[in-house]
Amino acid sequence: MAVCEEAVGEGSRVRMGAVAYNSVLDALSKNGKFEEAVRLFDRIMEEHCPPKRISVNLGTFNVLSDGYCAQGKFKNAIEVFRRMGEKRCTPDTMSYNNLIEQLCKGGMLGDAEEIYGEMGEKGANPDEFTHVLLMDACFAENQPDDAVAYFNKMVESGLKPNLAAYNKVIEGLVKVKQIDEAKGFFDQMVEKLKLEPSNYQYMLKALIEEGKLDEMLKVVDGMLDDEDVGLPPEINELVTDALKTEGREGELVSLLEEKERKKAEALAKKAEEERAKAEALAKKAEEEKAKAESLTKLIAMGGSKFPAIGSSNSNNNAGVVEANLAEEGASSSKEEGSKSDTLGEAESNNSSA
């Protein structure tokens, strides 16, 4: 500590940057020297004179605020946090979350909500973690409606709750016996996220405990539709035992059989579609083959008058063949007509004679 006193004690002529000072503040706070940390903070606040001298930054306020929270002096922590503006420091979302988390843990939910309300004014947007912190604190204070409100605010603001967030709101509602509300959030989670068997199992147990076996079977139905989840043995046993208590175990068997039947029908339909597709391709191939054979015959009939198949203009061969055949037909008709006219004239002359 002698070295520390020489470096940062009263009358010390050692001058450091904000990062170095923050490290000293943190060390003092965590080693039973918090009062010394406060005095050092006051001193470097006076020294701070940007741009010539930068002795404090965002981290400086966070460190001292954390120190006050560790001492249980939450009001002082809030006061220090709000002094950031004096030195042109702007708290970011992470800084807000840090203070809100410690206030919530210290049972200071009202103050945490007040700090949350200031975030937008300071240009710091609450994120998923911010809302989950407040949601957890509300459940801890037996305020489930407020907890749900924070979850809904998270969604309404365009944020995307993850599995952990959904699990927290579901578990919180289950603990206060609001099973229907919990099931509503569970249904949202199934629709938006990829679930693990454990996520289903928690909801199933809650429904079983409340005797909601019809709802339980609906959840099982959804599990069976998810090929990655299915019905693991431990969950099968859980559901079967619950149904046995009501003499309804046959319903699970029927559900499983129905799923297998639909699965078989789906596979058969897919196979039929594949067969029809194969037949269509075969038919098309036959048509192409017949067309090619017909074209070959026409070329054989036309002889050298027609361009050979496979030339650079092969795509136009069929048209050329048809045009040449039409021309040849026209010539033949013309010759036949001329012969008829000649015979007609000869007969006429003989009659005149």
Protein backbone atom coordinates (compact mmCIF):
# COMPACT_ATOMS: atom_id res chain seq x y z
CA MET A 1 0.00 0.00 0.00
CA ALA A 2 2.99 2.31 0.47
CA VAL A 3 3.57 2.28 -3.27
CA CYS A 4 -0.13 2.96 -3.86
CA GLU A 5 -0.06 5.85 -1.39
CA GLU A 6 2.96 7.31 -3.12
CA ALA A 7 1.27 7.00 -6.50
CA VAL A 8 -2.25 8.21 -5.73
CA GLY A 9 -2.28 9.50 -2.17
CA GLU A 10 -2.88 13.10 -1.17
CA GLY A 11 -0.06 15.30 -2.33
CA SER A 12 1.12 12.74 -4.88
CA ARG A 13 2.61 14.30 -7.98
CA VAL A 14 2.09 11.14 -10.03
CA ARG A 15 -0.35 11.63 -12.85
CA MET A 16 -1.96 8.72 -14.73
CA GLY A 17 -4.54 8.17 -17.42
CA ALA A 18 -8.15 7.16 -16.86
CA VAL A 19 -7.55 3.44 -17.46
CA ALA A 20 -4.76 3.27 -14.88
CA TYR A 21 -6.78 5.23 -12.34
CA ASN A 22 -9.75 2.87 -12.88
CA SER A 23 -7.56 -0.11 -12.03
CA VAL A 24 -6.45 1.54 -8.79
CA LEU A 25 -10.04 2.49 -7.91
CA ASP A 26 -11.18 -1.09 -8.48
CA ALA A 27 -8.35 -2.53 -6.39
CA LEU A 28 -9.05 -0.16 -3.49
CA SER A 29 -12.80 -0.89 -3.62
CA LYS A 30 -12.32 -4.66 -3.53
CA ASN A 31 -9.67 -4.66 -0.80
CA GLY A 32 -11.37 -2.85 2.04
CA LYS A 33 -10.10 0.60 1.06
CA PHE A 34 -13.30 2.05 -0.33
CA GLU A 35 -12.96 5.38 1.46
CA GLU A 36 -9.55 5.83 -0.17
CA ALA A 37 -11.20 5.01 -3.49
CA VAL A 38 -13.78 7.72 -2.95
CA ARG A 39 -11.09 10.29 -2.13
CA LEU A 40 -9.11 9.32 -5.21
CA PHE A 41 -12.26 9.62 -7.30
CA ASP A 42 -12.89 13.15 -6.03
CA ARG A 43 -9.30 14.11 -6.82
CA ILE A 44 -9.24 12.81 -10.37
CA MET A 45 -12.61 14.41 -11.03
CA GLU A 46 -10.95 17.77 -10.31
CA GLU A 47 -7.92 16.91 -12.45
CA HIS A 48 -10.04 15.94 -15.46
CA CYS A 49 -9.65 18.71 -18.00
CA PRO A 50 -10.12 17.45 -21.56
CA PRO A 51 -8.64 17.44 -24.08
CA LYS A 52 -5.41 18.30 -22.25
CA ARG A 53 -5.95 15.87 -19.39
CA ILE A 54 -8.22 12.80 -19.44
CA SER A 55 -8.32 11.30 -15.98
CA VAL A 56 -11.87 9.86 -15.95
CA ASN A 57 -13.99 7.93 -18.43
CA LEU A 58 -17.13 5.81 -18.45
CA GLY A 59 -15.36 3.02 -16.59
CA THR A 60 -14.43 5.37 -13.72
CA PHE A 61 -18.06 5.97 -12.82
CA ASN A 62 -18.97 2.30 -13.24
CA VAL A 63 -16.17 1.22 -10.88
CA LEU A 64 -17.17 3.62 -8.12
CA SER A 65 -20.86 2.87 -8.62
CA ASP A 66 -20.10 -0.84 -8.23
CA GLY A 67 -18.16 -0.05 -5.06
CA TYR A 68 -21.10 1.78 -3.52
CA CYS A 69 -23.44 -1.10 -4.42
CA ALA A 70 -21.06 -3.56 -2.77
CA GLN A 71 -21.27 -1.40 0.36
CA GLY A 72 -25.08 -1.46 0.16
CA LYS A 73 -25.11 2.30 -0.51
CA PHE A 74 -27.37 2.17 -3.55
CA LYS A 75 -28.46 5.81 -3.41
CA ASN A 76 -24.82 6.88 -3.55
CA ALA A 77 -24.27 4.53 -6.47
CA ILE A 78 -27.13 6.15 -8.38
CA GLU A 79 -25.80 9.61 -7.55
CA VAL A 80 -22.33 8.79 -8.90
CA PHE A 81 -23.85 7.16 -11.99
CA ARG A 82 -25.80 10.31 -12.78
CA ARG A 83 -22.70 12.48 -12.46
CA MET A 84 -21.35 11.09 -15.72
CA GLY A 85 -22.87 14.00 -17.58
CA GLU A 86 -20.68 16.45 -15.66
CA LYS A 87 -17.61 15.12 -17.47
CA ARG A 88 -19.28 14.55 -20.82
CA CYS A 89 -19.42 10.79 -20.29
CA THR A 90 -22.52 9.04 -21.63
CA PRO A 91 -23.57 5.74 -20.05
CA ASP A 92 -24.15 2.93 -22.53
CA THR A 93 -26.60 0.03 -22.31
CA MET A 94 -24.04 -2.19 -20.59
CA SER A 95 -23.47 0.43 -17.88
CA TYR A 96 -27.21 0.75 -17.30
CA ASN A 97 -27.62 -3.03 -17.16
CA ASN A 98 -24.81 -3.28 -14.62
CA LEU A 99 -26.44 -0.79 -12.27
CA ILE A 100 -29.96 -2.16 -12.80
CA GLU A 101 -28.75 -5.69 -12.04
CA GLN A 102 -27.16 -4.63 -8.75
CA LEU A 103 -30.19 -2.58 -7.74
CA CYS A 104 -32.46 -5.55 -8.46
CA LYS A 105 -30.25 -7.88 -6.44
CA GLY A 106 -30.28 -5.36 -3.60
CA GLY A 107 -34.09 -5.29 -3.51
CA MET A 108 -34.20 -1.79 -4.99
CA LEU A 109 -36.71 -2.59 -7.76
CA GLY A 110 -38.28 0.88 -7.70
CA ASP A 111 -34.92 2.57 -8.22
CA ALA A 112 -34.02 0.05 -10.93
CA GLU A 113 -37.23 0.87 -12.78
CA GLU A 114 -36.47 4.58 -12.47
CA ILE A 115 -33.02 4.08 -14.01
CA TYR A 116 -34.63 1.99 -16.74
CA GLY A 117 -36.97 4.88 -17.49
CA GLU A 118 -33.99 7.22 -18.00
CA MET A 119 -32.31 5.05 -20.64
CA GLY A 120 -34.23 6.35 -23.63
CA GLU A 121 -33.60 9.96 -22.60
CA LYS A 122 -29.86 9.29 -22.53
CA GLY A 123 -29.79 7.52 -25.89
CA ALA A 124 -29.20 4.04 -24.46
CA ASN A 125 -31.67 1.44 -25.71
CA PRO A 126 -32.71 -1.33 -23.30
CA ASP A 127 -31.80 -4.77 -24.66
CA GLU A 128 -33.08 -8.28 -23.92
CA PHE A 129 -30.90 -8.53 -20.80
CA THR A 130 -32.33 -5.27 -19.41
CA HIS A 131 -35.89 -6.56 -19.65
CA VAL A 132 -35.05 -10.00 -18.26
CA LEU A 133 -33.36 -8.40 -15.23
CA LEU A 134 -36.47 -6.38 -14.42
CA MET A 135 -38.76 -9.31 -15.19
CA ASP A 136 -36.85 -11.52 -12.74
CA ALA A 137 -36.96 -8.81 -10.08
CA CYS A 138 -40.72 -8.41 -10.50
CA PHE A 139 -41.28 -12.14 -10.07
CA ALA A 140 -39.06 -12.05 -6.97
CA GLU A 141 -41.22 -9.24 -5.57
CA ASN A 142 -44.40 -11.22 -6.36
CA GLN A 143 -45.40 -8.85 -9.15
CA PRO A 144 -46.10 -11.31 -12.00
CA ASP A 145 -48.21 -8.88 -14.00
CA ASP A 146 -45.36 -6.36 -14.07
CA ALA A 147 -42.95 -9.14 -15.02
CA VAL A 148 -45.15 -10.08 -17.98
CA ALA A 149 -45.37 -6.41 -18.95
CA TYR A 150 -41.57 -6.19 -19.21
CA PHE A 151 -41.50 -9.31 -21.35
CA ASN A 152 -44.13 -7.83 -23.65
CA LYS A 153 -42.23 -4.54 -23.84
CA MET A 154 -39.20 -6.50 -24.98
CA VAL A 155 -41.19 -8.05 -27.83
CA GLU A 156 -42.99 -4.84 -28.75
CA SER A 157 -39.69 -2.97 -29.05
CA GLY A 158 -38.56 -5.39 -31.75
CA LEU A 159 -36.21 -7.44 -29.57
CA LYS A 160 -36.20 -11.24 -29.86
CA PRO A 161 -36.37 -13.17 -26.59
CA ASN A 162 -34.26 -16.32 -26.56
CA LEU A 163 -35.00 -19.64 -24.87
CA ALA A 164 -33.64 -18.38 -21.54
CA ALA A 165 -36.01 -15.39 -21.56
CA TYR A 166 -39.03 -17.53 -22.43
CA ASN A 167 -38.10 -20.10 -19.79
CA LYS A 168 -37.89 -17.39 -17.13
CA VAL A 169 -41.34 -15.96 -17.85
CA ILE A 170 -42.86 -19.46 -18.07
CA GLU A 171 -41.22 -20.63 -14.85
CA GLY A 172 -42.22 -17.43 -13.07
CA LEU A 173 -45.86 -17.83 -14.06
CA VAL A 174 -45.91 -21.53 -13.17
CA LYS A 175 -44.60 -20.74 -9.68
CA VAL A 176 -47.56 -18.40 -9.06
CA LYS A 177 -49.97 -20.97 -10.53
CA GLN A 178 -50.81 -18.94 -13.63
CA ILE A 179 -50.64 -22.06 -15.78
CA ASP A 180 -52.82 -20.83 -18.65
CA GLU A 181 -50.70 -17.70 -19.04
CA ALA A 182 -47.54 -19.82 -18.89
CA LYS A 183 -48.95 -22.12 -21.58
CA GLY A 184 -49.61 -19.09 -23.79
CA PHE A 185 -45.94 -18.06 -23.66
CA PHE A 186 -44.93 -21.69 -24.15
CA ASP A 187 -46.97 -21.82 -27.37
CA GLN A 188 -45.20 -18.66 -28.57
CA MET A 189 -41.85 -20.24 -27.79
CA VAL A 190 -42.72 -23.40 -29.76
CA GLU A 191 -43.74 -21.28 -32.74
CA LYS A 192 -40.64 -19.06 -32.77
CA LEU A 193 -37.76 -21.14 -31.43
CA LYS A 194 -36.22 -24.59 -31.64
CA LEU A 195 -36.94 -26.40 -28.37
CA GLU A 196 -35.16 -29.12 -26.48
CA PRO A 197 -37.02 -32.02 -24.81
CA SER A 198 -36.35 -30.40 -21.41
CA ASN A 199 -38.37 -27.34 -22.45
CA TYR A 200 -41.35 -29.56 -23.21
CA GLN A 201 -40.87 -31.59 -20.05
CA TYR A 202 -41.15 -28.57 -17.75
CA MET A 203 -44.45 -27.49 -19.30
CA LEU A 204 -45.80 -31.04 -19.26
CA LYS A 205 -45.07 -31.40 -15.54
CA ALA A 206 -46.83 -28.12 -14.82
CA LEU A 207 -49.92 -29.21 -16.76
CA ILE A 208 -49.95 -32.62 -15.07
CA GLU A 209 -49.73 -31.08 -11.61
CA GLU A 210 -52.78 -28.95 -12.43
CA GLY A 211 -54.66 -31.92 -13.87
CA LYS A 212 -54.77 -30.41 -17.35
CA LEU A 213 -54.34 -33.71 -19.19
CA ASP A 214 -56.07 -32.56 -22.38
CA GLU A 215 -53.61 -29.70 -22.68
CA MET A 216 -50.81 -32.13 -21.88
CA LEU A 217 -51.83 -34.35 -24.80
CA LYS A 218 -51.84 -31.33 -27.13
CA VAL A 219 -48.24 -30.62 -26.14
CA VAL A 220 -47.35 -34.28 -26.80
CA ASP A 221 -49.05 -34.01 -30.19
CA GLY A 222 -46.78 -31.09 -31.04
CA MET A 223 -43.71 -32.98 -29.87
CA LEU A 224 -44.52 -35.88 -32.16
CA ASP A 225 -44.72 -33.48 -35.10
CA ASP A 226 -41.16 -32.35 -34.39
CA GLU A 227 -38.90 -35.07 -35.79
CA ASP A 228 -35.93 -33.71 -33.83
CA VAL A 229 -37.78 -34.09 -30.52
CA GLY A 230 -40.26 -36.94 -30.79
CA LEU A 231 -41.24 -38.57 -27.51
CA PRO A 232 -38.15 -39.46 -25.43
CA PRO A 233 -38.57 -42.47 -23.08
CA GLU A 234 -38.57 -40.39 -19.88
CA ILE A 235 -41.31 -38.11 -21.21
CA ASN A 236 -43.28 -41.10 -22.53
CA GLU A 237 -43.17 -42.57 -19.03
CA LEU A 238 -44.18 -39.25 -17.44
CA VAL A 239 -47.20 -38.88 -19.72
CA THR A 240 -48.24 -42.54 -19.45
CA ASP A 241 -48.17 -42.44 -15.64
CA ALA A 242 -50.26 -39.26 -15.62
CA LEU A 243 -52.87 -40.79 -17.92
CA LYS A 244 -53.01 -44.02 -15.91
CA THR A 245 -54.21 -42.12 -12.86
CA GLU A 246 -57.32 -41.23 -14.86
CA GLY A 247 -57.57 -44.53 -16.74
CA ARG A 248 -56.77 -42.77 -20.01
CA GLU A 249 -53.49 -44.43 -20.99
CA GLY A 250 -55.15 -45.75 -24.16
CA GLU A 251 -55.34 -42.17 -25.46
CA LEU A 252 -51.58 -41.96 -25.77
CA VAL A 253 -51.50 -45.27 -27.64
CA SER A 254 -54.21 -44.00 -30.01
CA LEU A 255 -52.32 -40.75 -30.55
CA LEU A 256 -49.11 -42.62 -31.37
CA GLU A 257 -50.95 -44.93 -33.78
CA GLU A 258 -52.63 -41.98 -35.49
CA LYS A 259 -49.27 -40.25 -35.95
CA GLU A 260 -47.80 -43.44 -37.44
CA ARG A 261 -50.77 -43.76 -39.80
CA LYS A 262 -50.41 -40.17 -40.99
CA LYS A 263 -46.70 -40.63 -41.39
CA ALA A 264 -47.26 -43.73 -43.53
CA GLU A 265 -49.85 -41.87 -45.62
CA ALA A 266 -47.45 -39.00 -46.13
CA LEU A 267 -44.71 -41.39 -47.26
CA ALA A 268 -47.11 -43.15 -49.64
CA LYS A 269 -48.24 -39.84 -51.09
CA LYS A 270 -44.66 -38.76 -51.59
CA ALA A 271 -43.86 -42.07 -53.30
CA GLU A 272 -46.88 -41.65 -55.61
CA GLU A 273 -45.78 -38.14 -56.50
CA GLU A 274 -42.30 -39.41 -57.30
CA ARG A 275 -43.76 -42.21 -59.44
CA ALA A 276 -45.98 -39.76 -61.34
CA LYS A 277 -43.01 -37.49 -61.89
CA ALA A 278 -40.94 -40.40 -63.21
CA GLU A 279 -43.75 -41.41 -65.58
CA ALA A 280 -44.06 -37.86 -66.86
CA LEU A 281 -40.33 -37.74 -67.56
CA ALA A 282 -40.49 -41.12 -69.34
CA LYS A 283 -43.42 -39.95 -71.48
CA LYS A 284 -41.56 -36.82 -72.43
CA ALA A 285 -38.53 -38.87 -73.35
CA GLU A 286 -40.69 -41.11 -75.59
CA GLU A 287 -42.17 -38.07 -77.29
CA GLU A 288 -38.71 -36.66 -77.92
CA LYS A 289 -37.60 -40.03 -79.30
CA ALA A 290 -40.61 -40.26 -81.65
CA LYS A 291 -39.98 -36.73 -82.85
CA ALA A 292 -36.34 -37.56 -83.57
CA GLU A 293 -37.31 -40.73 -85.49
CA SER A 294 -39.84 -38.81 -87.56
CA LEU A 295 -37.25 -36.20 -88.40
CA THR A 296 -34.78 -38.90 -89.44
CA LYS A 297 -37.33 -40.45 -91.83
CA LEU A 298 -38.05 -37.08 -93.41
CA ILE A 299 -34.35 -36.48 -93.96
CA ALA A 300 -33.98 -39.94 -95.51
CA MET A 301 -36.83 -39.21 -97.88
CA GLY A 302 -35.37 -35.85 -98.86
CA GLY A 303 -31.86 -37.15 -99.61
CA SER A 304 -29.15 -34.63 -100.32
CA LYS A 305 -31.60 -31.78 -100.65
CA PHE A 306 -31.67 -31.44 -96.88
CA PRO A 307 -28.92 -30.32 -94.54
CA ALA A 308 -27.38 -33.03 -92.38
CA ILE A 309 -28.49 -33.52 -88.81
CA GLY A 310 -25.85 -32.39 -86.34
CA SER A 311 -24.72 -29.35 -88.35
CA SER A 312 -24.45 -25.97 -86.70
CA ASN A 313 -27.97 -25.20 -87.92
CA SER A 314 -29.43 -28.47 -86.69
CA ASN A 315 -32.01 -26.66 -84.61
CA ASN A 316 -33.55 -25.39 -87.87
CA ASN A 317 -33.36 -28.72 -89.72
CA ALA A 318 -36.96 -29.67 -89.15
CA GLY A 319 -38.19 -26.38 -90.62
CA VAL A 320 -35.91 -26.67 -93.61
CA VAL A 321 -37.03 -30.25 -94.25
CA GLU A 322 -40.67 -29.29 -94.13
CA ALA A 323 -40.09 -26.32 -96.45
CA ASN A 324 -38.19 -28.44 -98.99
CA LEU A 325 -40.83 -31.16 -98.94
CA ALA A 326 -43.55 -28.58 -99.49
CA GLU A 327 -41.61 -27.09 -102.40
CA GLU A 328 -41.09 -30.52 -103.96
CA GLY A 329 -44.78 -31.25 -103.57
CA ALA A 330 -45.67 -27.99 -105.25
CA SER A 331 -43.35 -28.74 -108.17
CA SER A 332 -44.87 -32.18 -108.65
CA SER A 333 -48.36 -30.72 -108.67
CA LYS A 334 -47.31 -28.14 -111.25
CA GLU A 335 -45.83 -30.83 -113.53
CA GLU A 336 -48.97 -32.94 -113.27
CA GLY A 337 -51.05 -29.89 -114.15
CA SER A 338 -48.93 -29.16 -117.23
CA LYS A 339 -49.32 -32.77 -118.42
CA SER A 340 -53.09 -32.53 -118.09
CA ASP A 341 -53.19 -29.28 -120.11
CA THR A 342 -51.10 -30.87 -122.92
CA LEU A 343 -53.37 -33.88 -123.13
CA GLY A 344 -56.38 -31.64 -123.19
CA GLU A 345 -55.06 -29.64 -126.10
CA ALA A 346 -54.23 -32.80 -128.05
CA GLU A 347 -57.75 -34.17 -127.66
CA SER A 348 -59.19 -30.86 -128.77
CA ASN A 349 -57.12 -30.81 -131.97
CA ASN A 350 -58.14 -34.36 -132.81
CA SER A 351 -61.80 -33.46 -132.47
CA SER A 352 -61.40 -30.47 -134.77
CA ALA A 353 -59.73 -32.65 -137.39
